[in-house]
Amino acid sequence: MKQFNEFKKIVNKYGLQPISQREMPLLTLSCITQGYISLSRKNFGLSWKAIAAIGGHGKFHTMLNQKHITKKTGTFVKKNGQKLDKLIFNKTKNIFSNVAGQITNINSLVKKILKNALKK
């Protein structure tokens, strides 16, 4: 009961509301949450402040403060409208390129390891 009361307190404090339900593992949900909170703040100065997820048996209900992020995003776009390509899309392209490069490197390494394993 104590945990529920703490959860309820956080939901009320940040105005969290149910947004979506998805079937996904906890690890995936944790990675997405990391992006929503930490990476958005680091790269764009935007943050949801809080995200909640309730779930079990592979299903999670996500709770966010939609009003908060909508207001912050609107302010960000008004302030940086002319620089959005540079601020957002170029960073996204760079992140994608880095990840794609790492995947290529991993694939090459796996092939090399498999060839060596077959030789042995």
PDB file of N, CA and C in Angstrom:
ATOM      1  N   MET A   1       0.824  -1.196   0.000  1.00  0.00           N
ATOM      2  CA  MET A   1       0.000   0.000   0.000  1.00  0.00           C
ATOM      3  C   MET A   1       0.867   1.259   0.000  1.00  0.00           C
ATOM      4  N   LYS A   2       1.998   1.192   0.692  1.00  0.00           N
ATOM      5  CA  LYS A   2       2.895   2.343   0.756  1.00  0.00           C
ATOM      6  C   LYS A   2       3.407   2.698  -0.639  1.00  0.00           C
ATOM      7  N   GLN A   3       3.766   1.673  -1.443  1.00  0.00           N
ATOM      8  CA  GLN A   3       4.253   1.914  -2.800  1.00  0.00           C
ATOM      9  C   GLN A   3       3.170   2.545  -3.664  1.00  0.00           C
ATOM     10  N   PHE A   4       1.949   2.076  -3.525  1.00  0.00           N
ATOM     11  CA  PHE A   4       0.844   2.635  -4.293  1.00  0.00           C
ATOM     12  C   PHE A   4       0.647   4.109  -3.943  1.00  0.00           C
ATOM     13  N   ASN A   5       0.702   4.437  -2.662  1.00  0.00           N
ATOM     14  CA  ASN A   5       0.530   5.831  -2.243  1.00  0.00           C
ATOM     15  C   ASN A   5       1.645   6.716  -2.787  1.00  0.00           C
ATOM     16  N   GLU A   6       2.865   6.199  -2.819  1.00  0.00           N
ATOM     17  CA  GLU A   6       3.995   6.951  -3.381  1.00  0.00           C
ATOM     18  C   GLU A   6       3.785   7.163  -4.880  1.00  0.00           C
ATOM     19  N   PHE A   7       3.342   6.118  -5.569  1.00  0.00           N
ATOM     20  CA  PHE A   7       3.064   6.210  -6.995  1.00  0.00           C
ATOM     21  C   PHE A   7       1.964   7.249  -7.262  1.00  0.00           C
ATOM     22  N   LYS A   8       0.906   7.186  -6.487  1.00  0.00           N
ATOM     23  CA  LYS A   8      -0.210   8.121  -6.632  1.00  0.00           C
ATOM     24  C   LYS A   8       0.256   9.564  -6.410  1.00  0.00           C
ATOM     25  N   LYS A   9       1.130   9.752  -5.464  1.00  0.00           N
ATOM     26  CA  LYS A   9       1.677  11.075  -5.165  1.00  0.00           C
ATOM     27  C   LYS A   9       2.448  11.631  -6.368  1.00  0.00           C
ATOM     28  N   ILE A  10       3.261  10.783  -7.006  1.00  0.00           N
ATOM     29  CA  ILE A  10       4.043  11.193  -8.182  1.00  0.00           C
ATOM     30  C   ILE A  10       3.115  11.500  -9.362  1.00  0.00           C
ATOM     31  N   VAL A  11       2.122  10.651  -9.567  1.00  0.00           N
ATOM     32  CA  VAL A  11       1.158  10.857 -10.657  1.00  0.00           C
ATOM     33  C   VAL A  11       0.462  12.204 -10.486  1.00  0.00           C
ATOM     34  N   ASN A  12       0.032  12.506  -9.292  1.00  0.00           N
ATOM     35  CA  ASN A  12      -0.646  13.780  -9.026  1.00  0.00           C
ATOM     36  C   ASN A  12       0.305  14.964  -9.150  1.00  0.00           C
ATOM     37  N   LYS A  13       1.505  14.827  -8.630  1.00  0.00           N
ATOM     38  CA  LYS A  13       2.482  15.925  -8.652  1.00  0.00           C
ATOM     39  C   LYS A  13       2.796  16.361 -10.076  1.00  0.00           C
ATOM     40  N   TYR A  14       2.983  15.408 -10.984  1.00  0.00           N
ATOM     41  CA  TYR A  14       3.389  15.731 -12.349  1.00  0.00           C
ATOM     42  C   TYR A  14       2.233  15.723 -13.352  1.00  0.00           C
ATOM     43  N   GLY A  15       1.019  15.472 -12.883  1.00  0.00           N
ATOM     44  CA  GLY A  15      -0.142  15.478 -13.776  1.00  0.00           C
ATOM     45  C   GLY A  15      -0.078  14.387 -14.835  1.00  0.00           C
ATOM     46  N   LEU A  16       0.426  13.226 -14.452  1.00  0.00           N
ATOM     47  CA  LEU A  16       0.577  12.130 -15.405  1.00  0.00           C
ATOM     48  C   LEU A  16      -0.775  11.531 -15.765  1.00  0.00           C
ATOM     49  N   GLN A  17      -0.929  11.214 -17.051  1.00  0.00           N
ATOM     50  CA  GLN A  17      -2.160  10.606 -17.534  1.00  0.00           C
ATOM     51  C   GLN A  17      -1.804   9.420 -18.426  1.00  0.00           C
ATOM     52  N   PRO A  18      -2.673   8.404 -18.478  1.00  0.00           N
ATOM     53  CA  PRO A  18      -2.408   7.262 -19.359  1.00  0.00           C
ATOM     54  C   PRO A  18      -2.337   7.711 -20.823  1.00  0.00           C
ATOM     55  N   ILE A  19      -1.303   7.255 -21.517  1.00  0.00           N
ATOM     56  CA  ILE A  19      -1.099   7.641 -22.907  1.00  0.00           C
ATOM     57  C   ILE A  19      -1.159   6.431 -23.836  1.00  0.00           C
ATOM     58  N   SER A  20      -0.499   5.341 -23.453  1.00  0.00           N
ATOM     59  CA  SER A  20      -0.467   4.191 -24.350  1.00  0.00           C
ATOM     60  C   SER A  20      -0.333   2.897 -23.577  1.00  0.00           C
ATOM     61  N   GLN A  21      -0.634   1.819 -24.283  1.00  0.00           N
ATOM     62  CA  GLN A  21      -0.406   0.471 -23.751  1.00  0.00           C
ATOM     63  C   GLN A  21       0.365  -0.275 -24.818  1.00  0.00           C
ATOM     64  N   ARG A  22       1.431  -0.920 -24.417  1.00  0.00           N
ATOM     65  CA  ARG A  22       2.242  -1.664 -25.371  1.00  0.00           C
ATOM     66  C   ARG A  22       2.659  -2.992 -24.782  1.00  0.00           C
ATOM     67  N   GLU A  23       2.926  -3.906 -25.680  1.00  0.00           N
ATOM     68  CA  GLU A  23       3.511  -5.172 -25.277  1.00  0.00           C
ATOM     69  C   GLU A  23       5.001  -5.084 -25.565  1.00  0.00           C
ATOM     70  N   MET A  24       5.799  -5.062 -24.525  1.00  0.00           N
ATOM     71  CA  MET A  24       7.244  -4.990 -24.689  1.00  0.00           C
ATOM     72  C   MET A  24       7.933  -5.381 -23.390  1.00  0.00           C
ATOM     73  N   PRO A  25       9.174  -5.835 -23.506  1.00  0.00           N
ATOM     74  CA  PRO A  25       9.929  -6.174 -22.308  1.00  0.00           C
ATOM     75  C   PRO A  25      10.311  -4.921 -21.517  1.00  0.00           C
ATOM     76  N   LEU A  26      10.570  -5.109 -20.251  1.00  0.00           N
ATOM     77  CA  LEU A  26      10.949  -4.006 -19.376  1.00  0.00           C
ATOM     78  C   LEU A  26      12.213  -3.307 -19.868  1.00  0.00           C
ATOM     79  N   LEU A  27      13.177  -4.048 -20.392  1.00  0.00           N
ATOM     80  CA  LEU A  27      14.416  -3.445 -20.884  1.00  0.00           C
ATOM     81  C   LEU A  27      14.129  -2.447 -21.993  1.00  0.00           C
ATOM     82  N   THR A  28      13.284  -2.815 -22.937  1.00  0.00           N
ATOM     83  CA  THR A  28      12.939  -1.908 -24.044  1.00  0.00           C
ATOM     84  C   THR A  28      12.258  -0.659 -23.504  1.00  0.00           C
ATOM     85  N   LEU A  29      11.318  -0.840 -22.605  1.00  0.00           N
ATOM     86  CA  LEU A  29      10.618   0.290 -22.008  1.00  0.00           C
ATOM     87  C   LEU A  29      11.606   1.205 -21.283  1.00  0.00           C
ATOM     88  N   SER A  30      12.569   0.625 -20.595  1.00  0.00           N
ATOM     89  CA  SER A  30      13.576   1.413 -19.879  1.00  0.00           C
ATOM     90  C   SER A  30      14.411   2.250 -20.845  1.00  0.00           C
ATOM     91  N   CYS A  31      14.765   1.678 -21.986  1.00  0.00           N
ATOM     92  CA  CYS A  31      15.549   2.408 -22.992  1.00  0.00           C
ATOM     93  C   CYS A  31      14.754   3.572 -23.567  1.00  0.00           C
ATOM     94  N   ILE A  32      13.486   3.326 -23.849  1.00  0.00           N
ATOM     95  CA  ILE A  32      12.629   4.382 -24.384  1.00  0.00           C
ATOM     96  C   ILE A  32      12.504   5.514 -23.360  1.00  0.00           C
ATOM     97  N   THR A  33      12.296   5.144 -22.116  1.00  0.00           N
ATOM     98  CA  THR A  33      12.179   6.137 -21.046  1.00  0.00           C
ATOM     99  C   THR A  33      13.450   6.965 -20.944  1.00  0.00           C
ATOM    100  N   GLN A  34      14.592   6.323 -21.054  1.00  0.00           N
ATOM    101  CA  GLN A  34      15.877   7.029 -21.019  1.00  0.00           C
ATOM    102  C   GLN A  34      15.916   8.100 -22.110  1.00  0.00           C
ATOM    103  N   GLY A  35      15.452   7.748 -23.293  1.00  0.00           N
ATOM    104  CA  GLY A  35      15.427   8.706 -24.394  1.00  0.00           C
ATOM    105  C   GLY A  35      14.490   9.862 -24.132  1.00  0.00           C
ATOM    106  N   TYR A  36      13.298   9.545 -23.641  1.00  0.00           N
ATOM    107  CA  TYR A  36      12.327  10.591 -23.359  1.00  0.00           C
ATOM    108  C   TYR A  36      12.832  11.591 -22.325  1.00  0.00           C
ATOM    109  N   ILE A  37      13.471  11.101 -21.296  1.00  0.00           N
ATOM    110  CA  ILE A  37      13.851  11.988 -20.200  1.00  0.00           C
ATOM    111  C   ILE A  37      15.265  12.546 -20.375  1.00  0.00           C
ATOM    112  N   SER A  38      16.264  11.694 -20.369  1.00  0.00           N
ATOM    113  CA  SER A  38      17.650  12.159 -20.344  1.00  0.00           C
ATOM    114  C   SER A  38      18.139  12.702 -21.674  1.00  0.00           C
ATOM    115  N   LEU A  39      17.927  11.963 -22.757  1.00  0.00           N
ATOM    116  CA  LEU A  39      18.462  12.403 -24.051  1.00  0.00           C
ATOM    117  C   LEU A  39      17.758  13.652 -24.570  1.00  0.00           C
ATOM    118  N   SER A  40      16.462  13.755 -24.356  1.00  0.00           N
ATOM    119  CA  SER A  40      15.743  14.960 -24.776  1.00  0.00           C
ATOM    120  C   SER A  40      16.242  16.180 -24.020  1.00  0.00           C
ATOM    121  N   ARG A  41      16.485  16.004 -22.742  1.00  0.00           N
ATOM    122  CA  ARG A  41      16.986  17.114 -21.920  1.00  0.00           C
ATOM    123  C   ARG A  41      18.396  17.503 -22.363  1.00  0.00           C
ATOM    124  N   LYS A  42      19.244  16.508 -22.554  1.00  0.00           N
ATOM    125  CA  LYS A  42      20.640  16.758 -22.929  1.00  0.00           C
ATOM    126  C   LYS A  42      20.745  17.425 -24.302  1.00  0.00           C
ATOM    127  N   ASN A  43      20.011  16.914 -25.272  1.00  0.00           N
ATOM    128  CA  ASN A  43      20.160  17.395 -26.643  1.00  0.00           C
ATOM    129  C   ASN A  43      19.318  18.616 -26.986  1.00  0.00           C
ATOM    130  N   PHE A  44      18.155  18.767 -26.359  1.00  0.00           N
ATOM    131  CA  PHE A  44      17.248  19.829 -26.758  1.00  0.00           C
ATOM    132  C   PHE A  44      16.753  20.700 -25.613  1.00  0.00           C
ATOM    133  N   GLY A  45      17.133  20.365 -24.394  1.00  0.00           N
ATOM    134  CA  GLY A  45      16.660  21.129 -23.245  1.00  0.00           C
ATOM    135  C   GLY A  45      15.200  20.866 -22.926  1.00  0.00           C
ATOM    136  N   LEU A  46      14.641  19.780 -23.465  1.00  0.00           N
ATOM    137  CA  LEU A  46      13.241  19.412 -23.225  1.00  0.00           C
ATOM    138  C   LEU A  46      13.184  18.153 -22.381  1.00  0.00           C
ATOM    139  N   SER A  47      12.223  18.091 -21.505  1.00  0.00           N
ATOM    140  CA  SER A  47      12.078  16.890 -20.696  1.00  0.00           C
ATOM    141  C   SER A  47      10.630  16.714 -20.275  1.00  0.00           C
ATOM    142  N   TRP A  48      10.238  15.472 -20.190  1.00  0.00           N
ATOM    143  CA  TRP A  48       8.906  15.150 -19.693  1.00  0.00           C
ATOM    144  C   TRP A  48       8.841  15.354 -18.187  1.00  0.00           C
ATOM    145  N   LYS A  49       9.953  15.476 -17.537  1.00  0.00           N
ATOM    146  CA  LYS A  49      10.109  15.563 -16.084  1.00  0.00           C
ATOM    147  C   LYS A  49       9.844  14.226 -15.408  1.00  0.00           C
ATOM    148  N   ALA A  50       8.756  13.581 -15.756  1.00  0.00           N
ATOM    149  CA  ALA A  50       8.438  12.290 -15.139  1.00  0.00           C
ATOM    150  C   ALA A  50       7.646  11.438 -16.121  1.00  0.00           C
ATOM    151  N   ILE A  51       7.908  10.158 -16.068  1.00  0.00           N
ATOM    152  CA  ILE A  51       7.169   9.167 -16.847  1.00  0.00           C
ATOM    153  C   ILE A  51       6.870   8.012 -15.904  1.00  0.00           C
ATOM    154  N   ALA A  52       5.686   7.475 -16.010  1.00  0.00           N
ATOM    155  CA  ALA A  52       5.336   6.319 -15.186  1.00  0.00           C
ATOM    156  C   ALA A  52       4.903   5.180 -16.099  1.00  0.00           C
ATOM    157  N   ALA A  53       5.186   3.978 -15.654  1.00  0.00           N
ATOM    158  CA  ALA A  53       4.739   2.798 -16.390  1.00  0.00           C
ATOM    159  C   ALA A  53       4.224   1.785 -15.377  1.00  0.00           C
ATOM    160  N   ILE A  54       3.081   1.262 -15.683  1.00  0.00           N
ATOM    161  CA  ILE A  54       2.476   0.236 -14.839  1.00  0.00           C
ATOM    162  C   ILE A  54       2.269  -0.977 -15.732  1.00  0.00           C
ATOM    163  N   GLY A  55       2.635  -2.129 -15.245  1.00  0.00           N
ATOM    164  CA  GLY A  55       2.413  -3.281 -16.101  1.00  0.00           C
ATOM    165  C   GLY A  55       2.821  -4.591 -15.484  1.00  0.00           C
ATOM    166  N   GLY A  56       2.673  -5.567 -16.313  1.00  0.00           N
ATOM    167  CA  GLY A  56       3.035  -6.922 -15.944  1.00  0.00           C
ATOM    168  C   GLY A  56       2.657  -7.853 -17.081  1.00  0.00           C
ATOM    169  N   HIS A  57       3.220  -9.030 -17.058  1.00  0.00           N
ATOM    170  CA  HIS A  57       2.938 -10.026 -18.090  1.00  0.00           C
ATOM    171  C   HIS A  57       3.235  -9.484 -19.490  1.00  0.00           C
ATOM    172  N   GLY A  58       4.294  -8.648 -19.603  1.00  0.00           N
ATOM    173  CA  GLY A  58       4.716  -8.135 -20.902  1.00  0.00           C
ATOM    174  C   GLY A  58       3.944  -6.943 -21.429  1.00  0.00           C
ATOM    175  N   LYS A  59       2.953  -6.451 -20.685  1.00  0.00           N
ATOM    176  CA  LYS A  59       2.175  -5.289 -21.126  1.00  0.00           C
ATOM    177  C   LYS A  59       2.425  -4.132 -20.167  1.00  0.00           C
ATOM    178  N   PHE A  60       2.633  -2.955 -20.749  1.00  0.00           N
ATOM    179  CA  PHE A  60       2.876  -1.774 -19.935  1.00  0.00           C
ATOM    180  C   PHE A  60       1.958  -0.646 -20.359  1.00  0.00           C
ATOM    181  N   HIS A  61       1.446   0.064 -19.383  1.00  0.00           N
ATOM    182  CA  HIS A  61       0.650   1.257 -19.607  1.00  0.00           C
ATOM    183  C   HIS A  61       1.556   2.430 -19.255  1.00  0.00           C
ATOM    184  N   THR A  62       1.778   3.299 -20.216  1.00  0.00           N
ATOM    185  CA  THR A  62       2.665   4.440 -20.013  1.00  0.00           C
ATOM    186  C   THR A  62       1.838   5.659 -19.641  1.00  0.00           C
ATOM    187  N   MET A  63       2.361   6.432 -18.691  1.00  0.00           N
ATOM    188  CA  MET A  63       1.687   7.648 -18.246  1.00  0.00           C
ATOM    189  C   MET A  63       2.646   8.819 -18.404  1.00  0.00           C
ATOM    190  N   LEU A  64       2.167   9.892 -19.069  1.00  0.00           N
ATOM    191  CA  LEU A  64       2.980  11.077 -19.321  1.00  0.00           C
ATOM    192  C   LEU A  64       2.176  12.331 -19.010  1.00  0.00           C
ATOM    193  N   ASN A  65       2.882  13.455 -18.921  1.00  0.00           N
ATOM    194  CA  ASN A  65       2.220  14.747 -18.780  1.00  0.00           C
ATOM    195  C   ASN A  65       2.245  15.416 -20.151  1.00  0.00           C
ATOM    196  N   GLN A  66       1.238  15.133 -20.944  1.00  0.00           N
ATOM    197  CA  GLN A  66       1.164  15.623 -22.325  1.00  0.00           C
ATOM    198  C   GLN A  66       1.126  17.150 -22.378  1.00  0.00           C
ATOM    199  N   LYS A  67       0.400  17.785 -21.484  1.00  0.00           N
ATOM    200  CA  LYS A  67       0.285  19.249 -21.495  1.00  0.00           C
ATOM    201  C   LYS A  67       1.645  19.898 -21.282  1.00  0.00           C
ATOM    202  N   HIS A  68       2.424  19.366 -20.367  1.00  0.00           N
ATOM    203  CA  HIS A  68       3.741  19.929 -20.055  1.00  0.00           C
ATOM    204  C   HIS A  68       4.653  19.894 -21.280  1.00  0.00           C
ATOM    205  N   ILE A  69       4.790  18.726 -21.906  1.00  0.00           N
ATOM    206  CA  ILE A  69       5.737  18.596 -23.009  1.00  0.00           C
ATOM    207  C   ILE A  69       5.240  19.342 -24.246  1.00  0.00           C
ATOM    208  N   THR A  70       3.938  19.417 -24.444  1.00  0.00           N
ATOM    209  CA  THR A  70       3.394  20.164 -25.584  1.00  0.00           C
ATOM    210  C   THR A  70       3.741  21.637 -25.450  1.00  0.00           C
ATOM    211  N   LYS A  71       3.579  22.172 -24.269  1.00  0.00           N
ATOM    212  CA  LYS A  71       3.899  23.587 -24.022  1.00  0.00           C
ATOM    213  C   LYS A  71       5.398  23.831 -24.225  1.00  0.00           C
ATOM    214  N   LYS A  72       6.232  22.969 -23.664  1.00  0.00           N
ATOM    215  CA  LYS A  72       7.682  23.125 -23.781  1.00  0.00           C
ATOM    216  C   LYS A  72       8.145  22.987 -25.237  1.00  0.00           C
ATOM    217  N   THR A  73       7.566  22.031 -25.969  1.00  0.00           N
ATOM    218  CA  THR A  73       7.941  21.824 -27.363  1.00  0.00           C
ATOM    219  C   THR A  73       7.532  23.017 -28.212  1.00  0.00           C
ATOM    220  N   GLY A  74       6.342  23.550 -27.963  1.00  0.00           N
ATOM    221  CA  GLY A  74       5.890  24.736 -28.692  1.00  0.00           C
ATOM    222  C   GLY A  74       6.826  25.909 -28.491  1.00  0.00           C
ATOM    223  N   THR A  75       7.234  26.141 -27.266  1.00  0.00           N
ATOM    224  CA  THR A  75       8.176  27.218 -26.956  1.00  0.00           C
ATOM    225  C   THR A  75       9.511  26.976 -27.657  1.00  0.00           C
ATOM    226  N   PHE A  76       9.978  25.728 -27.628  1.00  0.00           N
ATOM    227  CA  PHE A  76      11.245  25.362 -28.272  1.00  0.00           C
ATOM    228  C   PHE A  76      11.188  25.632 -29.776  1.00  0.00           C
ATOM    229  N   VAL A  77      10.091  25.236 -30.430  1.00  0.00           N
ATOM    230  CA  VAL A  77       9.956  25.423 -31.876  1.00  0.00           C
ATOM    231  C   VAL A  77       9.881  26.908 -32.224  1.00  0.00           C
ATOM    232  N   LYS A  78       9.139  27.685 -31.444  1.00  0.00           N
ATOM    233  CA  LYS A  78       9.054  29.135 -31.700  1.00  0.00           C
ATOM    234  C   LYS A  78      10.426  29.787 -31.576  1.00  0.00           C
ATOM    235  N   LYS A  79      11.162  29.383 -30.577  1.00  0.00           N
ATOM    236  CA  LYS A  79      12.474  29.975 -30.320  1.00  0.00           C
ATOM    237  C   LYS A  79      13.512  29.523 -31.350  1.00  0.00           C
ATOM    238  N   ASN A  80      13.426  28.282 -31.801  1.00  0.00           N
ATOM    239  CA  ASN A  80      14.475  27.708 -32.644  1.00  0.00           C
ATOM    240  C   ASN A  80      13.993  27.287 -34.029  1.00  0.00           C
ATOM    241  N   GLY A  81      12.862  27.806 -34.477  1.00  0.00           N
ATOM    242  CA  GLY A  81      12.245  27.374 -35.730  1.00  0.00           C
ATOM    243  C   GLY A  81      13.181  27.339 -36.918  1.00  0.00           C
ATOM    244  N   GLN A  82      14.023  28.335 -37.049  1.00  0.00           N
ATOM    245  CA  GLN A  82      14.930  28.414 -38.196  1.00  0.00           C
ATOM    246  C   GLN A  82      16.098  27.442 -38.084  1.00  0.00           C
ATOM    247  N   LYS A  83      16.360  26.959 -36.879  1.00  0.00           N
ATOM    248  CA  LYS A  83      17.526  26.097 -36.654  1.00  0.00           C
ATOM    249  C   LYS A  83      17.155  24.636 -36.399  1.00  0.00           C
ATOM    250  N   LEU A  84      15.904  24.246 -36.647  1.00  0.00           N
ATOM    251  CA  LEU A  84      15.476  22.889 -36.315  1.00  0.00           C
ATOM    252  C   LEU A  84      16.274  21.814 -37.048  1.00  0.00           C
ATOM    253  N   ASP A  85      16.582  22.051 -38.328  1.00  0.00           N
ATOM    254  CA  ASP A  85      17.388  21.060 -39.054  1.00  0.00           C
ATOM    255  C   ASP A  85      18.705  20.813 -38.338  1.00  0.00           C
ATOM    256  N   LYS A  86      19.351  21.900 -37.969  1.00  0.00           N
ATOM    257  CA  LYS A  86      20.656  21.778 -37.304  1.00  0.00           C
ATOM    258  C   LYS A  86      20.516  21.172 -35.910  1.00  0.00           C
ATOM    259  N   LEU A  87      19.536  21.626 -35.160  1.00  0.00           N
ATOM    260  CA  LEU A  87      19.380  21.187 -33.773  1.00  0.00           C
ATOM    261  C   LEU A  87      18.862  19.761 -33.630  1.00  0.00           C
ATOM    262  N   ILE A  88      17.939  19.370 -34.484  1.00  0.00           N
ATOM    263  CA  ILE A  88      17.286  18.073 -34.310  1.00  0.00           C
ATOM    264  C   ILE A  88      17.685  17.083 -35.388  1.00  0.00           C
ATOM    265  N   PHE A  89      17.416  17.414 -36.623  1.00  0.00           N
ATOM    266  CA  PHE A  89      17.565  16.431 -37.687  1.00  0.00           C
ATOM    267  C   PHE A  89      19.016  16.052 -37.937  1.00  0.00           C
ATOM    268  N   ASN A  90      19.928  17.013 -37.882  1.00  0.00           N
ATOM    269  CA  ASN A  90      21.346  16.669 -38.071  1.00  0.00           C
ATOM    270  C   ASN A  90      21.855  15.791 -36.937  1.00  0.00           C
ATOM    271  N   LYS A  91      21.435  16.077 -35.712  1.00  0.00           N
ATOM    272  CA  LYS A  91      21.831  15.235 -34.582  1.00  0.00           C
ATOM    273  C   LYS A  91      21.268  13.827 -34.744  1.00  0.00           C
ATOM    274  N   THR A  92      20.018  13.759 -35.189  1.00  0.00           N
ATOM    275  CA  THR A  92      19.389  12.457 -35.386  1.00  0.00           C
ATOM    276  C   THR A  92      20.123  11.671 -36.463  1.00  0.00           C
ATOM    277  N   LYS A  93      20.490  12.338 -37.563  1.00  0.00           N
ATOM    278  CA  LYS A  93      21.247  11.675 -38.630  1.00  0.00           C
ATOM    279  C   LYS A  93      22.581  11.163 -38.100  1.00  0.00           C
ATOM    280  N   ASN A  94      23.244  11.969 -37.285  1.00  0.00           N
ATOM    281  CA  ASN A  94      24.531  11.558 -36.719  1.00  0.00           C
ATOM    282  C   ASN A  94      24.376  10.349 -35.804  1.00  0.00           C
ATOM    283  N   ILE A  95      23.369  10.372 -34.965  1.00  0.00           N
ATOM    284  CA  ILE A  95      23.124   9.238 -34.058  1.00  0.00           C
ATOM    285  C   ILE A  95      22.836   7.989 -34.884  1.00  0.00           C
ATOM    286  N   PHE A  96      21.976   8.123 -35.906  1.00  0.00           N
ATOM    287  CA  PHE A  96      21.647   6.988 -36.753  1.00  0.00           C
ATOM    288  C   PHE A  96      22.895   6.450 -37.447  1.00  0.00           C
ATOM    289  N   SER A  97      23.715   7.356 -37.988  1.00  0.00           N
ATOM    290  CA  SER A  97      24.945   6.934 -38.673  1.00  0.00           C
ATOM    291  C   SER A  97      25.876   6.190 -37.723  1.00  0.00           C
ATOM    292  N   ASN A  98      26.016   6.698 -36.515  1.00  0.00           N
ATOM    293  CA  ASN A  98      26.870   6.033 -35.522  1.00  0.00           C
ATOM    294  C   ASN A  98      26.353   4.639 -35.188  1.00  0.00           C
ATOM    295  N   VAL A  99      25.050   4.531 -34.970  1.00  0.00           N
ATOM    296  CA  VAL A  99      24.466   3.231 -34.642  1.00  0.00           C
ATOM    297  C   VAL A  99      24.612   2.279 -35.828  1.00  0.00           C
ATOM    298  N   ALA A 100      24.336   2.767 -37.035  1.00  0.00           N
ATOM    299  CA  ALA A 100      24.464   1.929 -38.237  1.00  0.00           C
ATOM    300  C   ALA A 100      25.910   1.452 -38.390  1.00  0.00           C
ATOM    301  N   GLY A 101      26.871   2.343 -38.135  1.00  0.00           N
ATOM    302  CA  GLY A 101      28.283   1.964 -38.208  1.00  0.00           C
ATOM    303  C   GLY A 101      28.644   0.908 -37.176  1.00  0.00           C
ATOM    304  N   GLN A 102      28.117   1.057 -35.979  1.00  0.00           N
ATOM    305  CA  GLN A 102      28.383   0.077 -34.922  1.00  0.00           C
ATOM    306  C   GLN A 102      27.771  -1.276 -35.278  1.00  0.00           C
ATOM    307  N   ILE A 103      26.581  -1.267 -35.861  1.00  0.00           N
ATOM    308  CA  ILE A 103      25.946  -2.524 -36.268  1.00  0.00           C
ATOM    309  C   ILE A 103      26.778  -3.198 -37.353  1.00  0.00           C
ATOM    310  N   THR A 104      27.263  -2.415 -38.306  1.00  0.00           N
ATOM    311  CA  THR A 104      28.113  -2.967 -39.362  1.00  0.00           C
ATOM    312  C   THR A 104      29.370  -3.580 -38.768  1.00  0.00           C
ATOM    313  N   ASN A 105      29.993  -2.886 -37.823  1.00  0.00           N
ATOM    314  CA  ASN A 105      31.197  -3.405 -37.165  1.00  0.00           C
ATOM    315  C   ASN A 105      30.901  -4.696 -36.405  1.00  0.00           C
ATOM    316  N   ILE A 106      29.777  -4.721 -35.721  1.00  0.00           N
ATOM    317  CA  ILE A 106      29.391  -5.928 -34.966  1.00  0.00           C
ATOM    318  C   ILE A 106      29.150  -7.088 -35.927  1.00  0.00           C
ATOM    319  N   ASN A 107      28.455  -6.815 -37.035  1.00  0.00           N
ATOM    320  CA  ASN A 107      28.196  -7.874 -38.017  1.00  0.00           C
ATOM    321  C   ASN A 107      29.497  -8.427 -38.583  1.00  0.00           C
ATOM    322  N   SER A 108      30.441  -7.543 -38.889  1.00  0.00           N
ATOM    323  CA  SER A 108      31.742  -7.988 -39.408  1.00  0.00           C
ATOM    324  C   SER A 108      32.467  -8.837 -38.373  1.00  0.00           C
ATOM    325  N   LEU A 109      32.432  -8.403 -37.139  1.00  0.00           N
ATOM    326  CA  LEU A 109      33.093  -9.136 -36.065  1.00  0.00           C
ATOM    327  C   LEU A 109      32.453 -10.517 -35.871  1.00  0.00           C
ATOM    328  N   VAL A 110      31.134 -10.574 -35.899  1.00  0.00           N
ATOM    329  CA  VAL A 110      30.432 -11.850 -35.742  1.00  0.00           C
ATOM    330  C   VAL A 110      30.804 -12.797 -36.881  1.00  0.00           C
ATOM    331  N   LYS A 111      30.834 -12.293 -38.109  1.00  0.00           N
ATOM    332  CA  LYS A 111      31.207 -13.130 -39.259  1.00  0.00           C
ATOM    333  C   LYS A 111      32.632 -13.663 -39.097  1.00  0.00           C
ATOM    334  N   LYS A 112      33.512 -12.802 -38.636  1.00  0.00           N
ATOM    335  CA  LYS A 112      34.913 -13.207 -38.437  1.00  0.00           C
ATOM    336  C   LYS A 112      34.998 -14.299 -37.364  1.00  0.00           C
ATOM    337  N   ILE A 113      34.286 -14.104 -36.278  1.00  0.00           N
ATOM    338  CA  ILE A 113      34.281 -15.086 -35.190  1.00  0.00           C
ATOM    339  C   ILE A 113      33.703 -16.411 -35.679  1.00  0.00           C
ATOM    340  N   LEU A 114      32.619 -16.344 -36.444  1.00  0.00           N
ATOM    341  CA  LEU A 114      31.994 -17.573 -36.961  1.00  0.00           C
ATOM    342  C   LEU A 114      32.926 -18.306 -37.913  1.00  0.00           C
ATOM    343  N   LYS A 115      33.621 -17.564 -38.790  1.00  0.00           N
ATOM    344  CA  LYS A 115      34.584 -18.201 -39.709  1.00  0.00           C
ATOM    345  C   LYS A 115      35.688 -18.895 -38.927  1.00  0.00           C
ATOM    346  N   ASN A 116      36.206 -18.212 -37.909  1.00  0.00           N
ATOM    347  CA  ASN A 116      37.266 -18.809 -37.080  1.00  0.00           C
ATOM    348  C   ASN A 116      36.751 -20.039 -36.338  1.00  0.00           C
ATOM    349  N   ALA A 117      35.519 -19.991 -35.875  1.00  0.00           N
ATOM    350  CA  ALA A 117      34.935 -21.119 -35.163  1.00  0.00           C
ATOM    351  C   ALA A 117      34.776 -22.314 -36.113  1.00  0.00           C
ATOM    352  N   LEU A 118      34.337 -22.039 -37.336  1.00  0.00           N
ATOM    353  CA  LEU A 118      34.178 -23.113 -38.317  1.00  0.00           C
ATOM    354  C   LEU A 118      35.533 -23.731 -38.687  1.00  0.00           C
ATOM    355  N   LYS A 119      36.569 -22.915 -38.801  1.00  0.00           N
ATOM    356  CA  LYS A 119      37.893 -23.406 -39.127  1.00  0.00           C
ATOM    357  C   LYS A 119      38.399 -24.348 -38.024  1.00  0.00           C
ATOM    358  N   LYS A 120      38.123 -23.974 -36.777  1.00  0.00           N
ATOM    359  CA  LYS A 120      38.598 -24.783 -35.654  1.00  0.00           C
ATOM    360  C   LYS A 120      37.791 -26.050 -35.570  1.00  0.00           C
TER     361      LYS A 120
END
